[in-house]
Amino acid sequence: MTQYHDRVVKRAKQIAAEEWARGVKSLHAHSLNSMWYEPEPDVKKEVGVVDIEYNDGRITRNDIELVPSQLKNDRLIDEWERFNNELS
């Protein structure tokens, strides 16, 4: 059974990393058109909004994804391992 040990450990890390990726990294309250990733930068509104940045790099506003996940597969596991050494 030890022939599958590496696969089991890698899958366990992948599951843990995917759960970690859904965690909130930061909340950012700002005016509507003040961020580099703003989809409509020409909008001149002084409306306040809150953006949520997740551990995988996604940024959402009102459940709309403005920036997609920046970390997937092995890159996600590598980033997770930088912050968590439980399964190493």
PDB file of N, CA and C in Angstrom:
ATOM      1  N   MET A   1       0.805  -1.207   0.000  1.00  0.00           N
ATOM      2  CA  MET A   1       0.000   0.000   0.000  1.00  0.00           C
ATOM      3  C   MET A   1       0.845   1.268   0.000  1.00  0.00           C
ATOM      4  N   THR A   2       2.125   1.155   0.311  1.00  0.00           N
ATOM      5  CA  THR A   2       2.953   2.361   0.339  1.00  0.00           C
ATOM      6  C   THR A   2       3.201   2.927  -1.049  1.00  0.00           C
ATOM      7  N   GLN A   3       2.873   2.163  -2.095  1.00  0.00           N
ATOM      8  CA  GLN A   3       3.078   2.657  -3.459  1.00  0.00           C
ATOM      9  C   GLN A   3       2.182   3.840  -3.789  1.00  0.00           C
ATOM     10  N   TYR A   4       1.103   4.015  -3.034  1.00  0.00           N
ATOM     11  CA  TYR A   4       0.169   5.108  -3.278  1.00  0.00           C
ATOM     12  C   TYR A   4       0.320   6.259  -2.286  1.00  0.00           C
ATOM     13  N   HIS A   5       1.272   6.159  -1.386  1.00  0.00           N
ATOM     14  CA  HIS A   5       1.445   7.161  -0.334  1.00  0.00           C
ATOM     15  C   HIS A   5       1.626   8.572  -0.911  1.00  0.00           C
ATOM     16  N   ASP A   6       2.495   8.725  -1.908  1.00  0.00           N
ATOM     17  CA  ASP A   6       2.744  10.050  -2.489  1.00  0.00           C
ATOM     18  C   ASP A   6       1.489  10.629  -3.127  1.00  0.00           C
ATOM     19  N   ARG A   7       0.710   9.782  -3.791  1.00  0.00           N
ATOM     20  CA  ARG A   7      -0.541  10.256  -4.402  1.00  0.00           C
ATOM     21  C   ARG A   7      -1.543  10.715  -3.350  1.00  0.00           C
ATOM     22  N   VAL A   8      -1.624   9.956  -2.274  1.00  0.00           N
ATOM     23  CA  VAL A   8      -2.554  10.295  -1.193  1.00  0.00           C
ATOM     24  C   VAL A   8      -2.151  11.611  -0.547  1.00  0.00           C
ATOM     25  N   VAL A   9      -0.867  11.790  -0.289  1.00  0.00           N
ATOM     26  CA  VAL A   9      -0.381  13.030   0.325  1.00  0.00           C
ATOM     27  C   VAL A   9      -0.632  14.207  -0.610  1.00  0.00           C
ATOM     28  N   LYS A  10      -0.350  14.046  -1.912  1.00  0.00           N
ATOM     29  CA  LYS A  10      -0.564  15.138  -2.863  1.00  0.00           C
ATOM     30  C   LYS A  10      -2.043  15.504  -2.941  1.00  0.00           C
ATOM     31  N   ARG A  11      -2.921  14.506  -2.955  1.00  0.00           N
ATOM     32  CA  ARG A  11      -4.363  14.789  -3.009  1.00  0.00           C
ATOM     33  C   ARG A  11      -4.823  15.480  -1.730  1.00  0.00           C
ATOM     34  N   ALA A  12      -4.314  15.068  -0.584  1.00  0.00           N
ATOM     35  CA  ALA A  12      -4.672  15.709   0.680  1.00  0.00           C
ATOM     36  C   ALA A  12      -4.241  17.171   0.674  1.00  0.00           C
ATOM     37  N   LYS A  13      -3.045  17.436   0.131  1.00  0.00           N
ATOM     38  CA  LYS A  13      -2.577  18.824   0.028  1.00  0.00           C
ATOM     39  C   LYS A  13      -3.453  19.621  -0.929  1.00  0.00           C
ATOM     40  N   GLN A  14      -3.847  18.991  -2.030  1.00  0.00           N
ATOM     41  CA  GLN A  14      -4.693  19.676  -3.010  1.00  0.00           C
ATOM     42  C   GLN A  14      -6.044  20.057  -2.398  1.00  0.00           C
ATOM     43  N   ILE A  15      -6.644  19.148  -1.660  1.00  0.00           N
ATOM     44  CA  ILE A  15      -7.934  19.430  -1.011  1.00  0.00           C
ATOM     45  C   ILE A  15      -7.781  20.563   0.001  1.00  0.00           C
ATOM     46  N   ALA A  16      -6.731  20.492   0.815  1.00  0.00           N
ATOM     47  CA  ALA A  16      -6.499  21.540   1.810  1.00  0.00           C
ATOM     48  C   ALA A  16      -6.229  22.884   1.133  1.00  0.00           C
ATOM     49  N   ALA A  17      -5.469  22.880   0.043  1.00  0.00           N
ATOM     50  CA  ALA A  17      -5.154  24.120  -0.667  1.00  0.00           C
ATOM     51  C   ALA A  17      -6.404  24.727  -1.303  1.00  0.00           C
ATOM     52  N   GLU A  18      -7.282  23.890  -1.853  1.00  0.00           N
ATOM     53  CA  GLU A  18      -8.519  24.391  -2.453  1.00  0.00           C
ATOM     54  C   GLU A  18      -9.424  25.028  -1.400  1.00  0.00           C
ATOM     55  N   GLU A  19      -9.461  24.438  -0.221  1.00  0.00           N
ATOM     56  CA  GLU A  19     -10.251  25.021   0.867  1.00  0.00           C
ATOM     57  C   GLU A  19      -9.632  26.346   1.324  1.00  0.00           C
ATOM     58  N   TRP A  20      -8.310  26.371   1.454  1.00  0.00           N
ATOM     59  CA  TRP A  20      -7.591  27.592   1.842  1.00  0.00           C
ATOM     60  C   TRP A  20      -7.819  28.698   0.817  1.00  0.00           C
ATOM     61  N   ALA A  21      -7.849  28.348  -0.466  1.00  0.00           N
ATOM     62  CA  ALA A  21      -8.014  29.324  -1.549  1.00  0.00           C
ATOM     63  C   ALA A  21      -9.323  30.088  -1.435  1.00  0.00           C
ATOM     64  N   ARG A  22     -10.346  29.477  -0.882  1.00  0.00           N
ATOM     65  CA  ARG A  22     -11.650  30.135  -0.722  1.00  0.00           C
ATOM     66  C   ARG A  22     -11.678  31.103   0.450  1.00  0.00           C
ATOM     67  N   GLY A  23     -10.623  31.109   1.251  1.00  0.00           N
ATOM     68  CA  GLY A  23     -10.556  31.998   2.403  1.00  0.00           C
ATOM     69  C   GLY A  23     -10.305  33.440   1.996  1.00  0.00           C
ATOM     70  N   VAL A  24     -10.799  34.361   2.801  1.00  0.00           N
ATOM     71  CA  VAL A  24     -10.656  35.789   2.510  1.00  0.00           C
ATOM     72  C   VAL A  24      -9.271  36.266   2.933  1.00  0.00           C
ATOM     73  N   LYS A  25      -8.574  36.892   1.989  1.00  0.00           N
ATOM     74  CA  LYS A  25      -7.256  37.460   2.258  1.00  0.00           C
ATOM     75  C   LYS A  25      -7.393  38.902   2.730  1.00  0.00           C
ATOM     76  N   SER A  26      -8.290  39.670   2.072  1.00  0.00           N
ATOM     77  CA  SER A  26      -8.471  41.057   2.476  1.00  0.00           C
ATOM     78  C   SER A  26      -9.813  41.598   1.992  1.00  0.00           C
ATOM     79  N   LEU A  27     -10.266  42.632   2.691  1.00  0.00           N
ATOM     80  CA  LEU A  27     -11.440  43.402   2.289  1.00  0.00           C
ATOM     81  C   LEU A  27     -10.949  44.809   2.005  1.00  0.00           C
ATOM     82  N   HIS A  28     -11.448  45.396   0.919  1.00  0.00           N
ATOM     83  CA  HIS A  28     -10.974  46.715   0.549  1.00  0.00           C
ATOM     84  C   HIS A  28     -12.164  47.610   0.231  1.00  0.00           C
ATOM     85  N   ALA A  29     -12.378  48.631   1.048  1.00  0.00           N
ATOM     86  CA  ALA A  29     -13.436  49.612   0.811  1.00  0.00           C
ATOM     87  C   ALA A  29     -12.815  50.804   0.093  1.00  0.00           C
ATOM     88  N   HIS A  30     -13.416  51.205  -1.039  1.00  0.00           N
ATOM     89  CA  HIS A  30     -12.842  52.282  -1.837  1.00  0.00           C
ATOM     90  C   HIS A  30     -13.911  52.874  -2.741  1.00  0.00           C
ATOM     91  N   SER A  31     -13.549  53.923  -3.485  1.00  0.00           N
ATOM     92  CA  SER A  31     -14.500  54.506  -4.431  1.00  0.00           C
ATOM     93  C   SER A  31     -14.537  53.648  -5.698  1.00  0.00           C
ATOM     94  N   LEU A  32     -15.627  53.736  -6.412  1.00  0.00           N
ATOM     95  CA  LEU A  32     -15.921  52.812  -7.502  1.00  0.00           C
ATOM     96  C   LEU A  32     -14.830  52.692  -8.555  1.00  0.00           C
ATOM     97  N   ASN A  33     -14.230  53.747  -8.975  1.00  0.00           N
ATOM     98  CA  ASN A  33     -13.289  53.670 -10.096  1.00  0.00           C
ATOM     99  C   ASN A  33     -11.825  53.858  -9.691  1.00  0.00           C
ATOM    100  N   SER A  34     -11.458  53.452  -8.502  1.00  0.00           N
ATOM    101  CA  SER A  34     -10.110  53.746  -8.010  1.00  0.00           C
ATOM    102  C   SER A  34      -9.111  52.595  -8.122  1.00  0.00           C
ATOM    103  N   MET A  35      -9.511  51.431  -8.617  1.00  0.00           N
ATOM    104  CA  MET A  35      -8.607  50.278  -8.627  1.00  0.00           C
ATOM    105  C   MET A  35      -8.134  49.937 -10.032  1.00  0.00           C
ATOM    106  N   TRP A  36      -6.949  49.348 -10.144  1.00  0.00           N
ATOM    107  CA  TRP A  36      -6.359  48.992 -11.435  1.00  0.00           C
ATOM    108  C   TRP A  36      -7.196  47.979 -12.192  1.00  0.00           C
ATOM    109  N   TYR A  37      -7.928  47.133 -11.497  1.00  0.00           N
ATOM    110  CA  TYR A  37      -8.711  46.077 -12.140  1.00  0.00           C
ATOM    111  C   TYR A  37     -10.153  46.496 -12.434  1.00  0.00           C
ATOM    112  N   GLU A  38     -10.467  47.754 -12.245  1.00  0.00           N
ATOM    113  CA  GLU A  38     -11.835  48.238 -12.464  1.00  0.00           C
ATOM    114  C   GLU A  38     -12.269  47.943 -13.906  1.00  0.00           C
ATOM    115  N   PRO A  39     -13.400  47.215 -14.089  1.00  0.00           N
ATOM    116  CA  PRO A  39     -13.834  46.871 -15.444  1.00  0.00           C
ATOM    117  C   PRO A  39     -14.309  48.062 -16.266  1.00  0.00           C
ATOM    118  N   GLU A  40     -14.752  49.122 -15.618  1.00  0.00           N
ATOM    119  CA  GLU A  40     -15.201  50.321 -16.325  1.00  0.00           C
ATOM    120  C   GLU A  40     -14.503  51.539 -15.710  1.00  0.00           C
ATOM    121  N   PRO A  41     -13.213  51.733 -16.019  1.00  0.00           N
ATOM    122  CA  PRO A  41     -12.443  52.802 -15.361  1.00  0.00           C
ATOM    123  C   PRO A  41     -12.902  54.214 -15.718  1.00  0.00           C
ATOM    124  N   ASP A  42     -13.630  54.374 -16.803  1.00  0.00           N
ATOM    125  CA  ASP A  42     -14.080  55.706 -17.203  1.00  0.00           C
ATOM    126  C   ASP A  42     -15.294  56.188 -16.423  1.00  0.00           C
ATOM    127  N   VAL A  43     -15.868  55.304 -15.613  1.00  0.00           N
ATOM    128  CA  VAL A  43     -17.035  55.682 -14.811  1.00  0.00           C
ATOM    129  C   VAL A  43     -16.585  56.671 -13.752  1.00  0.00           C
ATOM    130  N   LYS A  44     -17.224  57.807 -13.689  1.00  0.00           N
ATOM    131  CA  LYS A  44     -16.854  58.846 -12.713  1.00  0.00           C
ATOM    132  C   LYS A  44     -17.894  58.889 -11.603  1.00  0.00           C
ATOM    133  N   LYS A  45     -17.884  57.899 -10.771  1.00  0.00           N
ATOM    134  CA  LYS A  45     -18.832  57.843  -9.674  1.00  0.00           C
ATOM    135  C   LYS A  45     -18.080  57.834  -8.360  1.00  0.00           C
ATOM    136  N   GLU A  46     -18.591  58.527  -7.430  1.00  0.00           N
ATOM    137  CA  GLU A  46     -17.993  58.571  -6.087  1.00  0.00           C
ATOM    138  C   GLU A  46     -18.708  57.597  -5.155  1.00  0.00           C
ATOM    139  N   VAL A  47     -19.149  56.500  -5.701  1.00  0.00           N
ATOM    140  CA  VAL A  47     -19.856  55.485  -4.927  1.00  0.00           C
ATOM    141  C   VAL A  47     -18.835  54.608  -4.214  1.00  0.00           C
ATOM    142  N   GLY A  48     -19.081  54.301  -2.960  1.00  0.00           N
ATOM    143  CA  GLY A  48     -18.204  53.420  -2.218  1.00  0.00           C
ATOM    144  C   GLY A  48     -18.569  51.963  -2.461  1.00  0.00           C
ATOM    145  N   VAL A  49     -17.561  51.121  -2.603  1.00  0.00           N
ATOM    146  CA  VAL A  49     -17.766  49.689  -2.802  1.00  0.00           C
ATOM    147  C   VAL A  49     -16.805  48.917  -1.907  1.00  0.00           C
ATOM    148  N   VAL A  50     -17.067  47.621  -1.744  1.00  0.00           N
ATOM    149  CA  VAL A  50     -16.192  46.746  -0.980  1.00  0.00           C
ATOM    150  C   VAL A  50     -15.798  45.587  -1.885  1.00  0.00           C
ATOM    151  N   ASP A  51     -14.494  45.410  -2.090  1.00  0.00           N
ATOM    152  CA  ASP A  51     -13.978  44.293  -2.863  1.00  0.00           C
ATOM    153  C   ASP A  51     -13.408  43.265  -1.899  1.00  0.00           C
ATOM    154  N   ILE A  52     -13.581  41.997  -2.252  1.00  0.00           N
ATOM    155  CA  ILE A  52     -13.061  40.899  -1.438  1.00  0.00           C
ATOM    156  C   ILE A  52     -11.962  40.208  -2.230  1.00  0.00           C
ATOM    157  N   GLU A  53     -10.764  40.126  -1.642  1.00  0.00           N
ATOM    158  CA  GLU A  53      -9.664  39.393  -2.256  1.00  0.00           C
ATOM    159  C   GLU A  53      -9.504  38.073  -1.516  1.00  0.00           C
ATOM    160  N   TYR A  54      -9.443  36.989  -2.270  1.00  0.00           N
ATOM    161  CA  TYR A  54      -9.312  35.654  -1.693  1.00  0.00           C
ATOM    162  C   TYR A  54      -7.862  35.192  -1.772  1.00  0.00           C
ATOM    163  N   ASN A  55      -7.543  34.139  -1.040  1.00  0.00           N
ATOM    164  CA  ASN A  55      -6.174  33.639  -0.987  1.00  0.00           C
ATOM    165  C   ASN A  55      -5.637  33.196  -2.345  1.00  0.00           C
ATOM    166  N   ASP A  56      -6.505  32.813  -3.274  1.00  0.00           N
ATOM    167  CA  ASP A  56      -6.046  32.372  -4.594  1.00  0.00           C
ATOM    168  C   ASP A  56      -5.900  33.525  -5.585  1.00  0.00           C
ATOM    169  N   GLY A  57      -6.110  34.759  -5.130  1.00  0.00           N
ATOM    170  CA  GLY A  57      -5.934  35.916  -5.983  1.00  0.00           C
ATOM    171  C   GLY A  57      -7.205  36.465  -6.613  1.00  0.00           C
ATOM    172  N   ARG A  58      -8.328  35.727  -6.486  1.00  0.00           N
ATOM    173  CA  ARG A  58      -9.598  36.233  -7.021  1.00  0.00           C
ATOM    174  C   ARG A  58      -9.990  37.505  -6.309  1.00  0.00           C
ATOM    175  N   ILE A  59     -10.641  38.407  -7.049  1.00  0.00           N
ATOM    176  CA  ILE A  59     -11.206  39.604  -6.446  1.00  0.00           C
ATOM    177  C   ILE A  59     -12.652  39.694  -6.904  1.00  0.00           C
ATOM    178  N   THR A  60     -13.559  39.817  -5.937  1.00  0.00           N
ATOM    179  CA  THR A  60     -14.982  39.907  -6.260  1.00  0.00           C
ATOM    180  C   THR A  60     -15.587  41.166  -5.668  1.00  0.00           C
ATOM    181  N   ARG A  61     -16.666  41.597  -6.308  1.00  0.00           N
ATOM    182  CA  ARG A  61     -17.458  42.719  -5.816  1.00  0.00           C
ATOM    183  C   ARG A  61     -18.919  42.342  -6.044  1.00  0.00           C
ATOM    184  N   ASN A  62     -19.705  42.315  -4.974  1.00  0.00           N
ATOM    185  CA  ASN A  62     -21.118  41.934  -5.079  1.00  0.00           C
ATOM    186  C   ASN A  62     -21.282  40.596  -5.799  1.00  0.00           C
ATOM    187  N   ASP A  63     -20.468  39.610  -5.460  1.00  0.00           N
ATOM    188  CA  ASP A  63     -20.497  38.263  -6.045  1.00  0.00           C
ATOM    189  C   ASP A  63     -20.175  38.237  -7.532  1.00  0.00           C
ATOM    190  N   ILE A  64     -19.610  39.304  -8.079  1.00  0.00           N
ATOM    191  CA  ILE A  64     -19.163  39.337  -9.464  1.00  0.00           C
ATOM    192  C   ILE A  64     -17.646  39.258  -9.453  1.00  0.00           C
ATOM    193  N   GLU A  65     -17.110  38.301 -10.185  1.00  0.00           N
ATOM    194  CA  GLU A  65     -15.661  38.117 -10.211  1.00  0.00           C
ATOM    195  C   GLU A  65     -15.016  39.151 -11.122  1.00  0.00           C
ATOM    196  N   LEU A  66     -14.195  40.016 -10.547  1.00  0.00           N
ATOM    197  CA  LEU A  66     -13.498  41.043 -11.314  1.00  0.00           C
ATOM    198  C   LEU A  66     -12.142  40.558 -11.812  1.00  0.00           C
ATOM    199  N   VAL A  67     -11.465  39.778 -10.981  1.00  0.00           N
ATOM    200  CA  VAL A  67     -10.170  39.198 -11.332  1.00  0.00           C
ATOM    201  C   VAL A  67     -10.268  37.703 -11.047  1.00  0.00           C
ATOM    202  N   PRO A  68      -9.987  36.862 -12.029  1.00  0.00           N
ATOM    203  CA  PRO A  68     -10.082  35.416 -11.797  1.00  0.00           C
ATOM    204  C   PRO A  68      -8.951  34.899 -10.916  1.00  0.00           C
ATOM    205  N   SER A  69      -9.089  33.656 -10.499  1.00  0.00           N
ATOM    206  CA  SER A  69      -8.079  33.012  -9.673  1.00  0.00           C
ATOM    207  C   SER A  69      -6.722  33.049 -10.364  1.00  0.00           C
ATOM    208  N   GLN A  70      -5.700  33.407  -9.609  1.00  0.00           N
ATOM    209  CA  GLN A  70      -4.343  33.472 -10.135  1.00  0.00           C
ATOM    210  C   GLN A  70      -3.556  32.192  -9.848  1.00  0.00           C
ATOM    211  N   LEU A  71      -4.091  31.339  -8.980  1.00  0.00           N
ATOM    212  CA  LEU A  71      -3.377  30.136  -8.564  1.00  0.00           C
ATOM    213  C   LEU A  71      -4.220  28.899  -8.867  1.00  0.00           C
ATOM    214  N   LYS A  72      -3.606  27.950  -9.560  1.00  0.00           N
ATOM    215  CA  LYS A  72      -4.286  26.693  -9.868  1.00  0.00           C
ATOM    216  C   LYS A  72      -3.280  25.554  -9.786  1.00  0.00           C
ATOM    217  N   ASN A  73      -3.789  24.363  -9.537  1.00  0.00           N
ATOM    218  CA  ASN A  73      -3.009  23.127  -9.548  1.00  0.00           C
ATOM    219  C   ASN A  73      -1.773  23.220  -8.666  1.00  0.00           C
ATOM    220  N   ASP A  74      -0.598  22.934  -9.215  1.00  0.00           N
ATOM    221  CA  ASP A  74       0.624  22.896  -8.407  1.00  0.00           C
ATOM    222  C   ASP A  74       1.001  24.264  -7.835  1.00  0.00           C
ATOM    223  N   ARG A  75       0.706  25.341  -8.565  1.00  0.00           N
ATOM    224  CA  ARG A  75       1.001  26.684  -8.043  1.00  0.00           C
ATOM    225  C   ARG A  75       0.167  26.969  -6.805  1.00  0.00           C
ATOM    226  N   LEU A  76      -1.081  26.496  -6.784  1.00  0.00           N
ATOM    227  CA  LEU A  76      -1.943  26.671  -5.616  1.00  0.00           C
ATOM    228  C   LEU A  76      -1.377  25.902  -4.427  1.00  0.00           C
ATOM    229  N   ILE A  77      -0.970  24.676  -4.657  1.00  0.00           N
ATOM    230  CA  ILE A  77      -0.392  23.863  -3.571  1.00  0.00           C
ATOM    231  C   ILE A  77       0.893  24.510  -3.055  1.00  0.00           C
ATOM    232  N   ASP A  78       1.735  25.007  -3.961  1.00  0.00           N
ATOM    233  CA  ASP A  78       2.983  25.657  -3.543  1.00  0.00           C
ATOM    234  C   ASP A  78       2.708  26.878  -2.671  1.00  0.00           C
ATOM    235  N   GLU A  79       1.742  27.697  -3.071  1.00  0.00           N
ATOM    236  CA  GLU A  79       1.400  28.890  -2.289  1.00  0.00           C
ATOM    237  C   GLU A  79       0.810  28.499  -0.942  1.00  0.00           C
ATOM    238  N   TRP A  80      -0.046  27.482  -0.941  1.00  0.00           N
ATOM    239  CA  TRP A  80      -0.633  26.996   0.317  1.00  0.00           C
ATOM    240  C   TRP A  80       0.463  26.506   1.255  1.00  0.00           C
ATOM    241  N   GLU A  81       1.443  25.787   0.713  1.00  0.00           N
ATOM    242  CA  GLU A  81       2.528  25.265   1.545  1.00  0.00           C
ATOM    243  C   GLU A  81       3.367  26.371   2.178  1.00  0.00           C
ATOM    244  N   ARG A  82       3.428  27.519   1.516  1.00  0.00           N
ATOM    245  CA  ARG A  82       4.170  28.647   2.116  1.00  0.00           C
ATOM    246  C   ARG A  82       3.537  29.074   3.429  1.00  0.00           C
ATOM    247  N   PHE A  83       2.240  28.876   3.579  1.00  0.00           N
ATOM    248  CA  PHE A  83       1.526  29.319   4.766  1.00  0.00           C
ATOM    249  C   PHE A  83       1.133  28.184   5.708  1.00  0.00           C
ATOM    250  N   ASN A  84       1.192  26.959   5.220  1.00  0.00           N
ATOM    251  CA  ASN A  84       0.768  25.804   6.016  1.00  0.00           C
ATOM    252  C   ASN A  84       1.731  24.653   5.835  1.00  0.00           C
ATOM    253  N   ASN A  85       2.265  24.167   6.909  1.00  0.00           N
ATOM    254  CA  ASN A  85       3.200  23.051   6.835  1.00  0.00           C
ATOM    255  C   ASN A  85       2.671  21.795   7.520  1.00  0.00           C
ATOM    256  N   GLU A  86       1.352  21.692   7.685  1.00  0.00           N
ATOM    257  CA  GLU A  86       0.779  20.585   8.430  1.00  0.00           C
ATOM    258  C   GLU A  86       0.968  19.230   7.736  1.00  0.00           C
ATOM    259  N   LEU A  87       0.859  19.177   6.405  1.00  0.00           N
ATOM    260  CA  LEU A  87       0.912  17.900   5.695  1.00  0.00           C
ATOM    261  C   LEU A  87       2.237  17.646   5.007  1.00  0.00           C
ATOM    262  N   SER A  88       3.235  18.437   5.267  1.00  0.00           N
ATOM    263  CA  SER A  88       4.532  18.293   4.574  1.00  0.00           C
ATOM    264  C   SER A  88       5.247  17.029   5.016  1.00  0.00           C
TER     265      SER A  88
END
